Amino acid sequence: MADDVSKEGKRKVEYDGKQVIYNMASESLFVLLPFIVIAMTLSHRGQLRLLFTLPEWSIVSAVIVGQTIVRLVSLLL
């Protein structure tokens, strides 16, 4: 534990490239997977053109902003 803290009392943070990519992929899939299912459903009904007019896009933007805030705060702590 003492090795993880520098003289100034701040944590040393080491980033593993693969772990960062895995985290980004999982967060992206968390947001995109519901829209993939919606696209499949609309395509089956022949209404795929309605995909970009759905009000759920506002919910997606809120989720993305929330994930960004959580990631930023976790990096700062």
N, C-alpha and C. Protein backbone atom coordinates (compact mmCIF):
# COMPACT_ATOMS: atom_id res chain seq x y z
N MET A 1 0.83 -1.20 0.00
CA MET A 1 0.00 0.00 0.00
C MET A 1 0.87 1.25 0.00
N ALA A 2 1.99 1.21 0.73
CA ALA A 2 2.86 2.37 0.80
C ALA A 2 3.49 2.67 -0.55
N ASP A 3 3.63 1.65 -1.40
CA ASP A 3 4.20 1.85 -2.72
C ASP A 3 3.24 2.58 -3.65
N ASP A 4 1.95 2.52 -3.37
CA ASP A 4 0.95 3.13 -4.22
C ASP A 4 0.78 4.63 -3.98
N VAL A 5 1.36 5.15 -2.91
CA VAL A 5 1.18 6.55 -2.56
C VAL A 5 2.53 7.26 -2.66
N SER A 6 2.56 8.38 -3.36
CA SER A 6 3.80 9.14 -3.50
C SER A 6 4.01 10.02 -2.27
N LYS A 7 5.11 10.76 -2.27
CA LYS A 7 5.44 11.62 -1.12
C LYS A 7 4.42 12.71 -0.91
N GLU A 8 3.76 13.14 -1.98
CA GLU A 8 2.75 14.20 -1.85
C GLU A 8 1.43 13.67 -1.34
N GLY A 9 1.30 12.35 -1.18
CA GLY A 9 0.07 11.76 -0.67
C GLY A 9 -0.93 11.42 -1.76
N LYS A 10 -0.52 11.53 -3.02
CA LYS A 10 -1.42 11.20 -4.12
C LYS A 10 -1.11 9.81 -4.63
N ARG A 11 -2.16 9.15 -5.11
CA ARG A 11 -1.98 7.80 -5.63
C ARG A 11 -1.28 7.83 -6.97
N LYS A 12 -0.43 6.86 -7.19
CA LYS A 12 0.15 6.66 -8.51
C LYS A 12 -0.84 5.86 -9.32
N VAL A 13 -1.10 6.30 -10.53
CA VAL A 13 -2.06 5.62 -11.38
C VAL A 13 -1.32 5.08 -12.59
N GLU A 14 -1.42 3.78 -12.77
CA GLU A 14 -0.82 3.15 -13.93
C GLU A 14 -1.95 2.68 -14.84
N TYR A 15 -1.83 2.98 -16.13
CA TYR A 15 -2.86 2.61 -17.08
C TYR A 15 -2.36 1.47 -17.95
N ASP A 16 -3.18 0.45 -18.04
CA ASP A 16 -2.91 -0.67 -18.93
C ASP A 16 -3.75 -0.44 -20.18
N GLY A 17 -3.10 -0.43 -21.34
CA GLY A 17 -3.79 -0.13 -22.58
C GLY A 17 -4.95 -1.06 -22.87
N LYS A 18 -4.77 -2.36 -22.63
CA LYS A 18 -5.84 -3.32 -22.88
C LYS A 18 -7.02 -3.08 -21.95
N GLN A 19 -6.75 -2.78 -20.70
CA GLN A 19 -7.83 -2.55 -19.74
C GLN A 19 -8.65 -1.32 -20.12
N VAL A 20 -7.98 -0.28 -20.60
CA VAL A 20 -8.68 0.93 -21.03
C VAL A 20 -9.59 0.62 -22.21
N ILE A 21 -9.08 -0.17 -23.16
CA ILE A 21 -9.89 -0.53 -24.33
C ILE A 21 -11.09 -1.38 -23.90
N TYR A 22 -10.88 -2.33 -23.00
CA TYR A 22 -11.98 -3.16 -22.51
C TYR A 22 -13.03 -2.31 -21.79
N ASN A 23 -12.59 -1.35 -21.00
CA ASN A 23 -13.54 -0.47 -20.30
C ASN A 23 -14.35 0.36 -21.29
N MET A 24 -13.68 0.91 -22.29
CA MET A 24 -14.37 1.72 -23.29
C MET A 24 -15.37 0.88 -24.07
N ALA A 25 -14.98 -0.35 -24.42
CA ALA A 25 -15.87 -1.22 -25.18
C ALA A 25 -17.10 -1.60 -24.36
N SER A 26 -16.89 -1.90 -23.09
CA SER A 26 -18.03 -2.30 -22.26
C SER A 26 -18.99 -1.13 -22.05
N GLU A 27 -18.47 0.07 -21.85
CA GLU A 27 -19.35 1.22 -21.68
C GLU A 27 -20.08 1.56 -22.98
N SER A 28 -19.40 1.40 -24.10
CA SER A 28 -20.05 1.66 -25.39
C SER A 28 -21.16 0.64 -25.66
N LEU A 29 -20.89 -0.62 -25.37
CA LEU A 29 -21.92 -1.65 -25.56
C LEU A 29 -23.10 -1.44 -24.64
N PHE A 30 -22.83 -0.94 -23.44
CA PHE A 30 -23.91 -0.66 -22.49
C PHE A 30 -24.90 0.35 -23.08
N VAL A 31 -24.37 1.31 -23.82
CA VAL A 31 -25.23 2.33 -24.42
C VAL A 31 -25.83 1.85 -25.74
N LEU A 32 -25.04 1.15 -26.55
CA LEU A 32 -25.49 0.81 -27.90
C LEU A 32 -26.38 -0.43 -27.99
N LEU A 33 -26.24 -1.35 -27.08
CA LEU A 33 -27.01 -2.59 -27.17
C LEU A 33 -28.52 -2.39 -27.21
N PRO A 34 -29.10 -1.53 -26.39
CA PRO A 34 -30.55 -1.31 -26.52
C PRO A 34 -30.95 -0.78 -27.89
N PHE A 35 -30.11 0.05 -28.49
CA PHE A 35 -30.44 0.59 -29.81
C PHE A 35 -30.27 -0.45 -30.91
N ILE A 36 -29.38 -1.40 -30.72
CA ILE A 36 -29.27 -2.50 -31.67
C ILE A 36 -30.54 -3.33 -31.63
N VAL A 37 -31.05 -3.58 -30.44
CA VAL A 37 -32.30 -4.34 -30.31
C VAL A 37 -33.46 -3.56 -30.90
N ILE A 38 -33.53 -2.26 -30.64
CA ILE A 38 -34.60 -1.44 -31.21
C ILE A 38 -34.51 -1.43 -32.73
N ALA A 39 -33.29 -1.32 -33.27
CA ALA A 39 -33.10 -1.32 -34.72
C ALA A 39 -33.55 -2.65 -35.32
N MET A 40 -33.24 -3.74 -34.66
CA MET A 40 -33.68 -5.05 -35.15
C MET A 40 -35.20 -5.15 -35.15
N THR A 41 -35.83 -4.65 -34.10
CA THR A 41 -37.29 -4.70 -34.00
C THR A 41 -37.95 -3.82 -35.07
N LEU A 42 -37.44 -2.60 -35.23
CA LEU A 42 -38.00 -1.71 -36.24
C LEU A 42 -37.77 -2.25 -37.65
N SER A 43 -36.61 -2.86 -37.86
CA SER A 43 -36.33 -3.46 -39.17
C SER A 43 -37.29 -4.59 -39.47
N HIS A 44 -37.60 -5.37 -38.47
CA HIS A 44 -38.54 -6.48 -38.65
C HIS A 44 -39.94 -5.97 -39.02
N ARG A 45 -40.30 -4.82 -38.46
CA ARG A 45 -41.62 -4.24 -38.75
C ARG A 45 -41.61 -3.37 -40.00
N GLY A 46 -40.41 -3.17 -40.60
CA GLY A 46 -40.30 -2.34 -41.80
C GLY A 46 -40.31 -0.86 -41.50
N GLN A 47 -39.93 -0.46 -40.29
CA GLN A 47 -39.96 0.95 -39.89
C GLN A 47 -38.58 1.44 -39.44
N LEU A 48 -37.53 0.92 -40.06
CA LEU A 48 -36.17 1.26 -39.64
C LEU A 48 -35.88 2.76 -39.78
N ARG A 49 -36.56 3.42 -40.69
CA ARG A 49 -36.33 4.86 -40.89
C ARG A 49 -36.71 5.68 -39.65
N LEU A 50 -37.47 5.13 -38.74
CA LEU A 50 -37.88 5.83 -37.53
C LEU A 50 -36.82 5.78 -36.42
N LEU A 51 -35.73 5.07 -36.65
CA LEU A 51 -34.72 4.87 -35.60
C LEU A 51 -34.16 6.20 -35.08
N PHE A 52 -33.88 7.13 -35.98
CA PHE A 52 -33.25 8.38 -35.55
C PHE A 52 -34.25 9.42 -35.06
N THR A 53 -35.52 9.10 -35.07
CA THR A 53 -36.53 10.03 -34.56
C THR A 53 -37.06 9.61 -33.20
N LEU A 54 -36.46 8.61 -32.60
CA LEU A 54 -36.91 8.11 -31.30
C LEU A 54 -36.53 9.08 -30.17
N PRO A 55 -37.39 9.25 -29.20
CA PRO A 55 -37.06 10.11 -28.06
C PRO A 55 -36.04 9.49 -27.11
N GLU A 56 -35.74 8.22 -27.29
CA GLU A 56 -34.77 7.55 -26.41
C GLU A 56 -33.36 8.10 -26.57
N TRP A 57 -33.09 8.82 -27.64
CA TRP A 57 -31.76 9.40 -27.82
C TRP A 57 -31.41 10.36 -26.70
N SER A 58 -32.40 11.05 -26.13
CA SER A 58 -32.12 11.95 -25.01
C SER A 58 -31.69 11.16 -23.78
N ILE A 59 -32.27 9.98 -23.59
CA ILE A 59 -31.86 9.14 -22.48
C ILE A 59 -30.43 8.66 -22.68
N VAL A 60 -30.08 8.31 -23.91
CA VAL A 60 -28.72 7.87 -24.21
C VAL A 60 -27.73 8.98 -23.90
N SER A 61 -28.05 10.20 -24.28
CA SER A 61 -27.12 11.30 -24.01
C SER A 61 -26.95 11.52 -22.51
N ALA A 62 -28.01 11.35 -21.74
CA ALA A 62 -27.90 11.48 -20.29
C ALA A 62 -27.03 10.37 -19.70
N VAL A 63 -27.16 9.16 -20.22
CA VAL A 63 -26.34 8.04 -19.74
C VAL A 63 -24.87 8.29 -20.06
N ILE A 64 -24.59 8.77 -21.26
CA ILE A 64 -23.20 9.04 -21.66
C ILE A 64 -22.59 10.13 -20.78
N VAL A 65 -23.33 11.19 -20.53
CA VAL A 65 -22.83 12.26 -19.66
C VAL A 65 -22.62 11.74 -18.25
N GLY A 66 -23.54 10.94 -17.75
CA GLY A 66 -23.39 10.36 -16.42
C GLY A 66 -22.17 9.47 -16.31
N GLN A 67 -21.93 8.64 -17.33
CA GLN A 67 -20.74 7.79 -17.33
C GLN A 67 -19.47 8.61 -17.37
N THR A 68 -19.48 9.69 -18.13
CA THR A 68 -18.31 10.56 -18.21
C THR A 68 -18.02 11.22 -16.88
N ILE A 69 -19.06 11.68 -16.20
CA ILE A 69 -18.87 12.31 -14.89
C ILE A 69 -18.33 11.31 -13.88
N VAL A 70 -18.89 10.09 -13.88
CA VAL A 70 -18.41 9.07 -12.95
C VAL A 70 -16.95 8.73 -13.23
N ARG A 71 -16.58 8.60 -14.50
CA ARG A 71 -15.20 8.28 -14.86
C ARG A 71 -14.27 9.42 -14.43
N LEU A 72 -14.68 10.66 -14.66
CA LEU A 72 -13.85 11.80 -14.29
C LEU A 72 -13.64 11.87 -12.79
N VAL A 73 -14.72 11.71 -12.03
CA VAL A 73 -14.61 11.78 -10.58
C VAL A 73 -13.76 10.65 -10.04
N SER A 74 -13.90 9.44 -10.60
CA SER A 74 -13.10 8.32 -10.13
C SER A 74 -11.62 8.52 -10.43
N LEU A 75 -11.30 9.19 -11.51
CA LEU A 75 -9.90 9.48 -11.81
C LEU A 75 -9.33 10.56 -10.91
N LEU A 76 -10.18 11.48 -10.51
CA LEU A 76 -9.71 12.58 -9.64
C LEU A 76 -9.53 12.16 -8.20
N LEU A 77 -10.24 11.15 -7.76
CA LEU A 77 -10.14 10.70 -6.37
C LEU A 77 -8.97 9.79 -6.17
